């Protein structure tokens, strides 16, 4: 039986990144982030990378067509299992990913369900060390010494600009407006699992692992 690729779907802060890290470390998945791919292709100065750089330098959004070509150039479905994180973002992208990239390879959409109020609370209390990048939460994962990073001892624990409450609520609204058709698409194809994103990371990992 062919192993399934995973398509992580969830609002910002729902825990997709944590699970992607666990699947890369424990299951040897490859983590596909279109943002990382764009930067890597530009750094390689490939023909595609130069095309992408020109679009971005002009302040334009990278088209779906360019993203698909980027995925096609960087994905070897026969050699690896992949996690697609943050893509697709809408129904059209989901359909194109199936048709132009996956081309019949099995995949499962994984939806990280979480209460919006809880998500706002989680994100507004997130802090990042300005020195080493370690992430804390003032409710669920406090540093041992208030205001001091456990890992490097730095005292520059910052709130990201996009973790302010009004910004978060706007991001969540945009997400909710576009995610329903994507979920229905995978649900209708029998390729959707939903996980309670408020469970422990290990519980979520075990649940997803049992499906792939």
N, C-alpha and C. Protein backbone atom coordinates (compact mmCIF):
# COMPACT_ATOMS: atom_id res chain seq x y z
N UNK A 1 0.84 -1.20 0.00
CA UNK A 1 0.00 0.00 0.00
C UNK A 1 0.88 1.26 0.00
N UNK A 2 0.55 2.20 -0.86
CA UNK A 2 1.32 3.45 -0.90
C UNK A 2 1.04 4.27 0.34
N UNK A 3 2.06 4.89 0.87
CA UNK A 3 1.88 5.73 2.05
C UNK A 3 1.31 7.09 1.66
N UNK A 4 0.55 7.67 2.57
CA UNK A 4 -0.12 8.94 2.26
C UNK A 4 0.74 10.15 2.61
N UNK A 5 0.64 11.15 1.77
CA UNK A 5 1.18 12.47 2.09
C UNK A 5 0.14 13.18 2.95
N UNK A 6 0.58 14.17 3.72
CA UNK A 6 -0.31 14.88 4.63
C UNK A 6 -0.45 16.34 4.21
N UNK A 7 -1.67 16.84 4.29
CA UNK A 7 -1.95 18.24 3.99
C UNK A 7 -2.50 18.86 5.26
N UNK A 8 -1.68 19.66 5.94
CA UNK A 8 -2.07 20.26 7.22
C UNK A 8 -2.89 21.53 6.97
N UNK A 9 -4.08 21.55 7.56
CA UNK A 9 -5.00 22.69 7.41
C UNK A 9 -5.36 23.17 8.82
N UNK A 10 -5.15 24.44 9.08
CA UNK A 10 -5.49 24.95 10.40
C UNK A 10 -5.17 26.42 10.52
N UNK A 11 -5.87 27.08 11.42
CA UNK A 11 -5.66 28.50 11.63
C UNK A 11 -4.26 28.75 12.20
N UNK A 12 -3.75 29.97 12.05
CA UNK A 12 -2.45 30.31 12.65
C UNK A 12 -2.48 30.00 14.15
N UNK A 13 -1.47 29.28 14.64
CA UNK A 13 -1.39 28.98 16.06
C UNK A 13 -2.11 27.71 16.48
N UNK A 14 -2.63 26.95 15.52
CA UNK A 14 -3.39 25.73 15.88
C UNK A 14 -2.49 24.54 16.13
N UNK A 15 -1.18 24.68 15.90
CA UNK A 15 -0.25 23.60 16.24
C UNK A 15 0.29 22.83 15.05
N UNK A 16 0.07 23.32 13.83
CA UNK A 16 0.55 22.61 12.64
C UNK A 16 2.07 22.48 12.65
N UNK A 17 2.75 23.57 13.01
CA UNK A 17 4.21 23.56 12.99
C UNK A 17 4.80 22.56 13.96
N UNK A 18 4.19 22.47 15.14
CA UNK A 18 4.66 21.50 16.14
C UNK A 18 4.56 20.08 15.61
N UNK A 19 3.42 19.76 15.00
CA UNK A 19 3.23 18.41 14.47
C UNK A 19 4.12 18.14 13.27
N UNK A 20 4.32 19.14 12.43
CA UNK A 20 5.21 18.96 11.28
C UNK A 20 6.61 18.59 11.78
N UNK A 21 7.07 19.28 12.83
CA UNK A 21 8.38 18.98 13.40
C UNK A 21 8.48 17.56 13.91
N UNK A 22 7.42 17.08 14.55
CA UNK A 22 7.42 15.71 15.09
C UNK A 22 7.43 14.67 13.97
N UNK A 23 6.68 14.94 12.91
CA UNK A 23 6.63 13.97 11.80
C UNK A 23 7.95 13.95 11.03
N UNK A 24 8.61 15.08 10.93
CA UNK A 24 9.93 15.13 10.29
C UNK A 24 10.94 14.35 11.13
N UNK A 25 10.91 14.57 12.44
CA UNK A 25 11.89 13.95 13.33
C UNK A 25 11.64 12.45 13.53
N UNK A 26 10.38 12.08 13.71
CA UNK A 26 10.05 10.69 14.09
C UNK A 26 9.65 9.80 12.93
N UNK A 27 9.16 10.40 11.84
CA UNK A 27 8.64 9.59 10.73
C UNK A 27 9.35 9.87 9.40
N UNK A 28 10.36 10.74 9.44
CA UNK A 28 11.17 11.07 8.25
C UNK A 28 10.37 11.69 7.11
N UNK A 29 9.29 12.38 7.45
CA UNK A 29 8.56 13.15 6.44
C UNK A 29 9.41 14.35 6.00
N UNK A 30 9.13 14.85 4.83
CA UNK A 30 9.71 16.11 4.36
C UNK A 30 8.65 17.19 4.54
N UNK A 31 9.05 18.32 5.12
CA UNK A 31 8.11 19.41 5.41
C UNK A 31 8.16 20.43 4.28
N UNK A 32 7.03 20.61 3.60
CA UNK A 32 6.96 21.56 2.49
C UNK A 32 6.24 22.83 2.95
N UNK A 33 6.99 23.91 3.04
CA UNK A 33 6.42 25.24 3.28
C UNK A 33 6.70 26.05 2.03
N UNK A 34 5.65 26.56 1.40
CA UNK A 34 5.86 27.27 0.13
C UNK A 34 6.75 28.50 0.33
N UNK A 35 6.64 29.15 1.49
CA UNK A 35 7.49 30.31 1.77
C UNK A 35 8.96 29.93 1.79
N UNK A 36 9.27 28.81 2.45
CA UNK A 36 10.66 28.33 2.49
C UNK A 36 11.16 27.96 1.10
N UNK A 37 10.28 27.31 0.31
CA UNK A 37 10.65 26.91 -1.05
C UNK A 37 10.96 28.13 -1.92
N UNK A 38 10.13 29.17 -1.77
CA UNK A 38 10.35 30.39 -2.55
C UNK A 38 11.72 30.99 -2.24
N UNK A 39 12.03 31.07 -0.95
CA UNK A 39 13.32 31.66 -0.55
C UNK A 39 14.50 30.81 -1.03
N UNK A 40 14.33 29.48 -0.94
CA UNK A 40 15.41 28.58 -1.35
C UNK A 40 15.65 28.66 -2.86
N UNK A 41 14.57 28.77 -3.62
CA UNK A 41 14.69 28.83 -5.09
C UNK A 41 15.36 30.13 -5.51
N UNK A 42 15.01 31.22 -4.82
CA UNK A 42 15.66 32.51 -5.10
C UNK A 42 17.15 32.43 -4.79
N UNK A 43 17.49 31.80 -3.66
CA UNK A 43 18.89 31.67 -3.26
C UNK A 43 19.70 30.85 -4.27
N UNK A 44 19.04 29.86 -4.90
CA UNK A 44 19.72 29.02 -5.91
C UNK A 44 19.95 29.77 -7.21
N UNK A 45 19.21 30.88 -7.37
CA UNK A 45 19.29 31.69 -8.59
C UNK A 45 18.96 30.87 -9.83
N UNK A 46 18.05 29.92 -9.68
CA UNK A 46 17.57 29.15 -10.83
C UNK A 46 16.69 30.06 -11.69
N UNK A 47 16.37 29.57 -12.88
CA UNK A 47 15.49 30.36 -13.77
C UNK A 47 14.16 30.63 -13.08
N UNK A 48 13.63 29.60 -12.40
CA UNK A 48 12.37 29.77 -11.68
C UNK A 48 12.54 30.74 -10.52
N UNK A 49 13.69 30.63 -9.83
CA UNK A 49 13.96 31.52 -8.70
C UNK A 49 14.06 32.97 -9.11
N UNK A 50 14.68 33.22 -10.25
CA UNK A 50 14.81 34.59 -10.76
C UNK A 50 13.44 35.15 -11.14
N UNK A 51 12.59 34.26 -11.67
CA UNK A 51 11.22 34.67 -12.02
C UNK A 51 10.44 35.05 -10.76
N UNK A 52 10.59 34.23 -9.74
CA UNK A 52 9.92 34.48 -8.46
C UNK A 52 10.42 35.79 -7.85
N UNK A 53 11.75 35.98 -7.87
CA UNK A 53 12.36 37.19 -7.28
C UNK A 53 11.82 38.45 -7.95
N UNK A 54 11.68 38.41 -9.28
CA UNK A 54 11.18 39.57 -10.02
C UNK A 54 9.77 39.93 -9.55
N UNK A 55 8.92 38.91 -9.38
CA UNK A 55 7.54 39.14 -8.93
C UNK A 55 7.54 39.75 -7.53
N UNK A 56 8.35 39.17 -6.64
CA UNK A 56 8.38 39.63 -5.25
C UNK A 56 9.00 41.03 -5.13
N UNK A 57 10.03 41.29 -5.93
CA UNK A 57 10.66 42.61 -5.91
C UNK A 57 9.70 43.71 -6.35
N UNK A 58 8.73 43.33 -7.19
CA UNK A 58 7.73 44.29 -7.65
C UNK A 58 6.56 44.43 -6.66
N UNK A 59 6.68 43.69 -5.52
CA UNK A 59 5.66 43.77 -4.49
C UNK A 59 4.37 43.04 -4.81
N UNK A 60 4.46 42.13 -5.79
CA UNK A 60 3.26 41.39 -6.19
C UNK A 60 3.21 40.04 -5.48
N UNK A 61 2.01 39.45 -5.43
CA UNK A 61 1.85 38.12 -4.87
C UNK A 61 2.31 37.09 -5.90
N UNK A 62 2.97 36.05 -5.43
CA UNK A 62 3.39 34.97 -6.33
C UNK A 62 2.14 34.21 -6.77
N UNK A 63 1.98 34.03 -8.07
CA UNK A 63 0.76 33.41 -8.60
C UNK A 63 0.69 31.92 -8.25
N UNK A 64 -0.53 31.38 -8.29
CA UNK A 64 -0.72 29.94 -8.05
C UNK A 64 0.08 29.12 -9.05
N UNK A 65 0.14 29.59 -10.28
CA UNK A 65 0.88 28.86 -11.33
C UNK A 65 2.36 28.75 -10.97
N UNK A 66 2.94 29.84 -10.47
CA UNK A 66 4.36 29.82 -10.08
C UNK A 66 4.58 28.88 -8.90
N UNK A 67 3.66 28.90 -7.94
CA UNK A 67 3.79 28.03 -6.76
C UNK A 67 3.73 26.57 -7.18
N UNK A 68 2.81 26.24 -8.08
CA UNK A 68 2.69 24.85 -8.55
C UNK A 68 3.98 24.42 -9.26
N UNK A 69 4.53 25.29 -10.10
CA UNK A 69 5.79 24.96 -10.77
C UNK A 69 6.92 24.76 -9.76
N UNK A 70 6.89 25.56 -8.70
CA UNK A 70 7.89 25.45 -7.63
C UNK A 70 7.77 24.09 -6.93
N UNK A 71 6.53 23.68 -6.65
CA UNK A 71 6.30 22.38 -6.01
C UNK A 71 6.74 21.24 -6.93
N UNK A 72 6.37 21.34 -8.20
CA UNK A 72 6.75 20.29 -9.15
C UNK A 72 8.27 20.14 -9.23
N UNK A 73 8.98 21.26 -9.13
CA UNK A 73 10.45 21.23 -9.24
C UNK A 73 11.13 20.69 -7.98
N UNK A 74 10.42 20.70 -6.86
CA UNK A 74 11.07 20.37 -5.58
C UNK A 74 10.50 19.15 -4.86
N UNK A 75 9.49 18.51 -5.45
CA UNK A 75 8.84 17.39 -4.78
C UNK A 75 9.12 16.10 -5.55
N UNK A 76 9.62 15.09 -4.84
CA UNK A 76 9.83 13.76 -5.42
C UNK A 76 8.94 12.78 -4.67
N UNK A 77 7.73 12.60 -5.19
CA UNK A 77 6.71 11.83 -4.47
C UNK A 77 7.10 10.36 -4.32
N UNK A 78 7.89 9.85 -5.25
CA UNK A 78 8.28 8.44 -5.19
C UNK A 78 9.29 8.18 -4.07
N UNK A 79 10.06 9.22 -3.74
CA UNK A 79 11.15 9.03 -2.78
C UNK A 79 10.78 9.40 -1.35
N UNK A 80 9.82 10.30 -1.18
CA UNK A 80 9.55 10.81 0.16
C UNK A 80 8.05 10.94 0.45
N UNK A 81 7.73 10.93 1.74
CA UNK A 81 6.40 11.34 2.20
C UNK A 81 6.49 12.81 2.59
N UNK A 82 5.51 13.59 2.19
CA UNK A 82 5.55 15.03 2.42
C UNK A 82 4.41 15.51 3.31
N UNK A 83 4.70 16.60 4.02
CA UNK A 83 3.68 17.38 4.71
C UNK A 83 3.59 18.72 3.99
N UNK A 84 2.41 19.02 3.47
CA UNK A 84 2.16 20.33 2.86
C UNK A 84 1.54 21.21 3.94
N UNK A 85 2.24 22.26 4.31
CA UNK A 85 1.85 23.10 5.44
C UNK A 85 1.58 24.53 4.96
N UNK A 86 0.33 24.99 5.13
CA UNK A 86 0.00 26.34 4.70
C UNK A 86 -0.39 26.43 3.23
N UNK A 87 -0.45 25.30 2.58
CA UNK A 87 -0.88 25.23 1.18
C UNK A 87 -1.53 23.86 0.99
N UNK A 88 -2.71 23.79 0.42
CA UNK A 88 -3.48 24.85 -0.24
C UNK A 88 -4.24 25.74 0.76
N UNK A 89 -4.47 26.99 0.34
CA UNK A 89 -5.20 27.94 1.16
C UNK A 89 -6.64 28.14 0.70
N UNK A 90 -6.97 27.67 -0.50
CA UNK A 90 -8.34 27.81 -0.99
C UNK A 90 -8.69 26.61 -1.87
N UNK A 91 -9.95 26.55 -2.31
CA UNK A 91 -10.43 25.39 -3.06
C UNK A 91 -9.67 25.21 -4.37
N UNK A 92 -9.44 26.28 -5.10
CA UNK A 92 -8.74 26.20 -6.38
C UNK A 92 -7.35 25.59 -6.20
N UNK A 93 -6.64 26.03 -5.15
CA UNK A 93 -5.30 25.50 -4.89
C UNK A 93 -5.36 24.01 -4.52
N UNK A 94 -6.38 23.61 -3.78
CA UNK A 94 -6.53 22.20 -3.39
C UNK A 94 -6.72 21.33 -4.63
N UNK A 95 -7.57 21.79 -5.53
CA UNK A 95 -7.83 21.04 -6.76
C UNK A 95 -6.58 20.96 -7.63
N UNK A 96 -5.85 22.08 -7.74
CA UNK A 96 -4.65 22.11 -8.57
C UNK A 96 -3.53 21.26 -7.97
N UNK A 97 -3.41 21.28 -6.65
CA UNK A 97 -2.40 20.44 -5.98
C UNK A 97 -2.63 18.98 -6.32
N UNK A 98 -3.89 18.53 -6.27
CA UNK A 98 -4.22 17.14 -6.61
C UNK A 98 -3.87 16.83 -8.06
N UNK A 99 -4.27 17.73 -8.95
CA UNK A 99 -4.14 17.47 -10.39
C UNK A 99 -2.72 17.61 -10.91
N UNK A 100 -2.02 18.65 -10.47
CA UNK A 100 -0.73 18.99 -11.08
C UNK A 100 0.50 18.52 -10.30
N UNK A 101 0.32 18.26 -8.99
CA UNK A 101 1.48 17.87 -8.18
C UNK A 101 1.34 16.43 -7.68
N UNK A 102 0.27 16.14 -6.98
CA UNK A 102 0.10 14.80 -6.40
C UNK A 102 -0.23 13.75 -7.46
N UNK A 103 -1.01 14.14 -8.47
CA UNK A 103 -1.28 13.27 -9.63
C UNK A 103 -1.64 11.84 -9.25
N UNK A 104 -2.58 11.72 -8.31
CA UNK A 104 -3.04 10.39 -7.93
C UNK A 104 -2.34 9.78 -6.74
N UNK A 105 -1.23 10.39 -6.28
CA UNK A 105 -0.58 9.90 -5.07
C UNK A 105 -1.53 10.10 -3.89
N UNK A 106 -1.64 9.12 -2.99
CA UNK A 106 -2.58 9.25 -1.88
C UNK A 106 -2.20 10.38 -0.93
N UNK A 107 -3.18 11.12 -0.48
CA UNK A 107 -2.94 12.19 0.49
C UNK A 107 -4.15 12.35 1.38
N UNK A 108 -3.91 12.88 2.57
CA UNK A 108 -4.98 13.08 3.56
C UNK A 108 -4.92 14.51 4.06
N UNK A 109 -6.06 15.17 4.08
CA UNK A 109 -6.16 16.49 4.69
C UNK A 109 -6.34 16.34 6.19
N UNK A 110 -5.55 17.05 6.96
CA UNK A 110 -5.65 16.99 8.43
C UNK A 110 -6.05 18.38 8.92
N UNK A 111 -7.25 18.47 9.49
CA UNK A 111 -7.75 19.76 9.96
C UNK A 111 -7.57 19.88 11.46
N UNK A 112 -6.85 20.91 11.88
CA UNK A 112 -6.59 21.16 13.30
C UNK A 112 -7.72 22.06 13.83
N UNK A 113 -8.69 21.44 14.49
CA UNK A 113 -9.85 22.20 15.00
C UNK A 113 -9.52 22.81 16.36
N UNK A 114 -9.85 24.09 16.52
CA UNK A 114 -9.61 24.74 17.80
C UNK A 114 -10.60 25.89 17.96
N UNK A 115 -11.05 26.09 19.18
CA UNK A 115 -11.98 27.18 19.49
C UNK A 115 -11.30 28.53 19.24
N UNK A 116 -12.00 29.42 18.55
CA UNK A 116 -11.40 30.70 18.17
C UNK A 116 -10.97 31.51 19.39
N UNK A 117 -11.81 31.54 20.41
CA UNK A 117 -11.46 32.30 21.62
C UNK A 117 -10.20 31.74 22.27
N UNK A 118 -10.07 30.42 22.28
CA UNK A 118 -8.89 29.78 22.86
C UNK A 118 -7.65 30.11 22.02
N UNK A 119 -7.85 30.15 20.71
CA UNK A 119 -6.74 30.45 19.81
C UNK A 119 -6.25 31.88 20.01
N UNK A 120 -7.18 32.82 20.16
CA UNK A 120 -6.80 34.22 20.42
C UNK A 120 -6.00 34.30 21.71
N UNK A 121 -6.46 33.58 22.74
CA UNK A 121 -5.76 33.58 24.03
C UNK A 121 -4.35 32.99 23.87
N UNK A 122 -4.27 31.90 23.12
CA UNK A 122 -2.98 31.22 22.93
C UNK A 122 -1.99 32.14 22.21
N UNK A 123 -2.44 32.81 21.15
CA UNK A 123 -1.54 33.62 20.34
C UNK A 123 -1.16 34.94 21.01
N UNK A 124 -2.11 35.57 21.71
CA UNK A 124 -1.78 36.85 22.34
C UNK A 124 -0.80 36.66 23.50
N UNK A 125 -0.71 35.42 24.00
CA UNK A 125 0.23 35.15 25.10
C UNK A 125 1.53 34.51 24.62
N UNK A 126 1.70 34.43 23.30
CA UNK A 126 2.93 33.85 22.76
C UNK A 126 4.05 34.88 22.83
N UNK A 127 5.23 34.44 23.23
CA UNK A 127 6.41 35.29 23.28
C UNK A 127 7.59 34.56 22.64
N UNK A 128 8.42 35.29 21.92
CA UNK A 128 9.57 34.69 21.23
C UNK A 128 10.86 35.37 21.70
N UNK A 129 11.87 34.56 21.97
CA UNK A 129 13.17 35.10 22.39
C UNK A 129 13.82 35.79 21.19
N UNK A 130 14.14 37.07 21.36
CA UNK A 130 14.76 37.84 20.28
C UNK A 130 16.17 37.39 19.99
N UNK A 131 16.76 36.61 20.88
CA UNK A 131 18.15 36.17 20.71
C UNK A 131 18.25 34.81 20.01
N UNK A 132 17.51 33.80 20.54
CA UNK A 132 17.67 32.44 19.98
C UNK A 132 16.41 31.91 19.28
N UNK A 133 15.29 32.63 19.40
CA UNK A 133 14.07 32.22 18.69
C UNK A 133 13.19 31.24 19.45
N UNK A 134 13.56 30.88 20.68
CA UNK A 134 12.72 29.96 21.47
C UNK A 134 11.34 30.58 21.69
N UNK A 135 10.30 29.74 21.67
CA UNK A 135 8.92 30.23 21.79
C UNK A 135 8.32 29.82 23.13
N UNK A 136 7.68 30.76 23.78
CA UNK A 136 7.02 30.52 25.07
C UNK A 136 5.56 30.94 24.99
N UNK A 137 4.80 30.53 26.01
CA UNK A 137 3.42 30.99 26.15
C UNK A 137 3.22 31.36 27.61
N UNK A 138 2.73 32.56 27.86
CA UNK A 138 2.62 33.06 29.23
C UNK A 138 1.59 32.30 30.06
N UNK A 139 0.79 31.46 29.37
CA UNK A 139 -0.20 30.64 30.09
C UNK A 139 0.26 29.19 30.20
N UNK A 140 0.62 28.60 29.06
CA UNK A 140 0.88 27.15 29.04
C UNK A 140 2.35 26.76 29.06
N UNK A 141 3.24 27.66 28.69
CA UNK A 141 4.66 27.32 28.64
C UNK A 141 5.49 28.53 29.04
N UNK A 142 5.40 28.89 30.33
CA UNK A 142 6.12 30.07 30.82
C UNK A 142 7.61 29.78 30.94
N UNK A 143 8.44 30.80 30.74
CA UNK A 143 9.87 30.62 31.06
C UNK A 143 10.01 30.41 32.56
N UNK A 144 11.05 29.67 32.98
CA UNK A 144 11.22 29.36 34.41
C UNK A 144 11.41 30.64 35.23
N UNK A 145 12.14 31.59 34.64
CA UNK A 145 12.31 32.90 35.28
C UNK A 145 11.59 33.92 34.41
N UNK A 146 10.65 34.64 34.98
CA UNK A 146 9.84 35.58 34.22
C UNK A 146 10.72 36.53 33.40
N UNK A 147 10.44 36.59 32.09
CA UNK A 147 11.15 37.52 31.22
C UNK A 147 12.52 37.06 30.76
N UNK A 148 12.91 35.82 31.14
CA UNK A 148 14.23 35.32 30.78
C UNK A 148 14.12 34.00 30.02
N UNK A 149 14.82 33.89 28.90
CA UNK A 149 14.78 32.68 28.08
C UNK A 149 15.48 31.52 28.80
N UNK A 150 14.80 30.37 28.87
CA UNK A 150 15.38 29.17 29.50
C UNK A 150 16.60 28.67 28.75
N UNK A 151 16.60 28.85 27.42
CA UNK A 151 17.64 28.23 26.60
C UNK A 151 18.92 29.04 26.53
N UNK A 152 18.80 30.37 26.37
CA UNK A 152 20.03 31.15 26.17
C UNK A 152 20.25 32.22 27.25
N UNK A 153 19.24 32.39 28.14
CA UNK A 153 19.39 33.38 29.19
C UNK A 153 19.09 34.80 28.75
N UNK A 154 18.67 34.96 27.49
CA UNK A 154 18.34 36.29 26.98
C UNK A 154 17.12 36.87 27.67
N UNK A 155 17.02 38.18 27.70
CA UNK A 155 15.89 38.83 28.38
C UNK A 155 15.01 39.61 27.40
N UNK A 156 15.15 39.29 26.12
CA UNK A 156 14.39 40.01 25.08
C UNK A 156 13.26 39.11 24.57
N UNK A 157 12.26 38.88 25.42
CA UNK A 157 11.12 38.05 25.02
C UNK A 157 10.04 38.96 24.42
N UNK A 158 9.80 38.80 23.13
CA UNK A 158 8.95 39.73 22.40
C UNK A 158 7.61 39.12 22.01
N UNK A 159 6.63 40.00 21.84
CA UNK A 159 5.38 39.61 21.22
C UNK A 159 5.46 40.00 19.74
N UNK A 160 5.19 39.03 18.86
CA UNK A 160 5.23 39.33 17.43
C UNK A 160 4.15 40.36 17.09
N UNK A 161 4.44 41.20 16.10
CA UNK A 161 3.48 42.23 15.70
C UNK A 161 2.15 41.63 15.27
N UNK A 162 2.21 40.43 14.64
CA UNK A 162 0.96 39.81 14.18
C UNK A 162 0.30 38.95 15.25
N UNK A 163 0.79 39.03 16.49
CA UNK A 163 0.15 38.34 17.62
C UNK A 163 -0.69 39.29 18.47
N UNK A 164 -0.90 40.52 18.01
CA UNK A 164 -1.79 41.45 18.70
C UNK A 164 -3.24 41.03 18.43
N UNK A 165 -4.12 41.26 19.39
CA UNK A 165 -5.47 40.68 19.33
C UNK A 165 -6.24 41.09 18.07
N UNK A 166 -6.20 42.37 17.69
CA UNK A 166 -6.98 42.80 16.53
C UNK A 166 -6.44 42.19 15.24
N UNK A 167 -5.12 42.04 15.16
CA UNK A 167 -4.51 41.43 13.98
C UNK A 167 -4.89 39.95 13.90
N UNK A 168 -4.84 39.29 15.05
CA UNK A 168 -5.18 37.86 15.10
C UNK A 168 -6.62 37.63 14.64
N UNK A 169 -7.53 38.43 15.16
CA UNK A 169 -8.93 38.24 14.81
C UNK A 169 -9.16 38.43 13.32
N UNK A 170 -8.44 39.36 12.73
CA UNK A 170 -8.56 39.57 11.29
C UNK A 170 -8.00 38.38 10.51
N UNK A 171 -6.84 37.87 10.94
CA UNK A 171 -6.24 36.70 10.28
C UNK A 171 -7.16 35.49 10.38
N UNK A 172 -7.78 35.31 11.54
CA UNK A 172 -8.67 34.17 11.74
C UNK A 172 -9.91 34.28 10.87
N UNK A 173 -10.42 35.50 10.71
CA UNK A 173 -11.61 35.69 9.88
C UNK A 173 -11.30 35.36 8.43
N UNK A 174 -10.15 35.81 7.95
CA UNK A 174 -9.73 35.50 6.58
C UNK A 174 -9.61 33.98 6.41
N UNK A 175 -9.01 33.33 7.40
CA UNK A 175 -8.85 31.88 7.34
C UNK A 175 -10.20 31.18 7.29
N UNK A 176 -11.12 31.56 8.21
CA UNK A 176 -12.44 30.91 8.27
C UNK A 176 -13.21 31.08 6.97
N UNK A 177 -13.06 32.25 6.34
CA UNK A 177 -13.80 32.53 5.10
C UNK A 177 -13.37 31.62 3.95
N UNK A 178 -12.13 31.19 3.95
CA UNK A 178 -11.63 30.41 2.81
C UNK A 178 -11.51 28.92 3.09
N UNK A 179 -11.54 28.51 4.37
CA UNK A 179 -11.23 27.11 4.68
C UNK A 179 -12.41 26.16 4.45
N UNK A 180 -13.64 26.65 4.61
CA UNK A 180 -14.79 25.74 4.52
C UNK A 180 -14.86 24.96 3.20
N UNK A 181 -14.70 25.64 2.03
CA UNK A 181 -14.73 24.88 0.78
C UNK A 181 -13.60 23.86 0.66
N UNK A 182 -12.44 24.18 1.24
CA UNK A 182 -11.30 23.25 1.21
C UNK A 182 -11.63 22.00 2.02
N UNK A 183 -12.20 22.20 3.20
CA UNK A 183 -12.57 21.07 4.06
C UNK A 183 -13.63 20.21 3.37
N UNK A 184 -14.61 20.85 2.76
CA UNK A 184 -15.67 20.11 2.07
C UNK A 184 -15.09 19.29 0.92
N UNK A 185 -14.13 19.85 0.20
CA UNK A 185 -13.48 19.16 -0.92
C UNK A 185 -12.86 17.85 -0.44
N UNK A 186 -12.05 17.92 0.62
CA UNK A 186 -11.39 16.71 1.11
C UNK A 186 -12.39 15.76 1.77
N UNK A 187 -13.39 16.33 2.46
CA UNK A 187 -14.43 15.51 3.10
C UNK A 187 -15.20 14.70 2.05
N UNK A 188 -15.59 15.36 0.97
CA UNK A 188 -16.36 14.69 -0.09
C UNK A 188 -15.57 13.58 -0.75
N UNK A 189 -14.24 13.73 -0.76
CA UNK A 189 -13.38 12.70 -1.35
C UNK A 189 -13.01 11.61 -0.35
N UNK A 190 -13.49 11.75 0.91
CA UNK A 190 -13.17 10.78 1.94
C UNK A 190 -11.73 10.84 2.39
N UNK A 191 -11.15 12.04 2.28
CA UNK A 191 -9.72 12.20 2.57
C UNK A 191 -9.48 13.28 3.62
N UNK A 192 -10.37 13.37 4.61
CA UNK A 192 -10.20 14.38 5.66
C UNK A 192 -10.29 13.75 7.03
N UNK A 193 -9.32 14.09 7.89
CA UNK A 193 -9.45 13.76 9.31
C UNK A 193 -9.39 15.05 10.11
N UNK A 194 -10.17 15.09 11.17
CA UNK A 194 -10.19 16.28 12.03
C UNK A 194 -9.61 15.90 13.39
N UNK A 195 -8.74 16.76 13.89
CA UNK A 195 -8.15 16.51 15.20
C UNK A 195 -8.46 17.68 16.13
N UNK A 196 -8.71 17.37 17.39
CA UNK A 196 -8.92 18.39 18.40
C UNK A 196 -7.56 18.98 18.75
N UNK A 197 -7.32 20.19 18.29
CA UNK A 197 -5.99 20.81 18.44
C UNK A 197 -5.70 21.25 19.87
N UNK A 198 -6.67 21.07 20.78
CA UNK A 198 -6.41 21.42 22.18
C UNK A 198 -5.89 20.22 22.98
N UNK A 199 -5.78 19.07 22.33
CA UNK A 199 -5.18 17.91 22.99
C UNK A 199 -3.66 18.12 23.11
N UNK A 200 -3.01 17.22 23.83
CA UNK A 200 -1.55 17.30 23.95
C UNK A 200 -0.92 17.00 22.59
N UNK A 201 0.26 17.57 22.32
CA UNK A 201 0.94 17.28 21.06
C UNK A 201 1.14 15.79 20.81
N UNK A 202 1.44 15.02 21.86
CA UNK A 202 1.66 13.58 21.69
C UNK A 202 0.36 12.88 21.28
N UNK A 203 -0.76 13.29 21.87
CA UNK A 203 -2.05 12.67 21.53
C UNK A 203 -2.40 12.95 20.07
N UNK A 204 -2.16 14.18 19.63
CA UNK A 204 -2.44 14.56 18.25
C UNK A 204 -1.54 13.78 17.30
N UNK A 205 -0.27 13.68 17.64
CA UNK A 205 0.69 12.93 16.83
C UNK A 205 0.28 11.47 16.66
N UNK A 206 -0.13 10.87 17.77
CA UNK A 206 -0.53 9.45 17.72
C UNK A 206 -1.78 9.26 16.87
N UNK A 207 -2.72 10.18 16.97
CA UNK A 207 -3.95 10.09 16.20
C UNK A 207 -3.65 10.18 14.69
N UNK A 208 -2.86 11.18 14.31
CA UNK A 208 -2.55 11.34 12.89
C UNK A 208 -1.73 10.14 12.39
N UNK A 209 -0.78 9.68 13.21
CA UNK A 209 0.06 8.55 12.82
C UNK A 209 -0.76 7.30 12.54
N UNK A 210 -1.85 7.13 13.27
CA UNK A 210 -2.69 5.93 13.09
C UNK A 210 -3.42 5.93 11.76
N UNK A 211 -3.47 7.10 11.11
CA UNK A 211 -4.22 7.22 9.85
C UNK A 211 -3.31 7.09 8.62
N UNK A 212 -2.00 7.16 8.83
CA UNK A 212 -1.08 7.13 7.69
C UNK A 212 -0.12 5.92 7.78
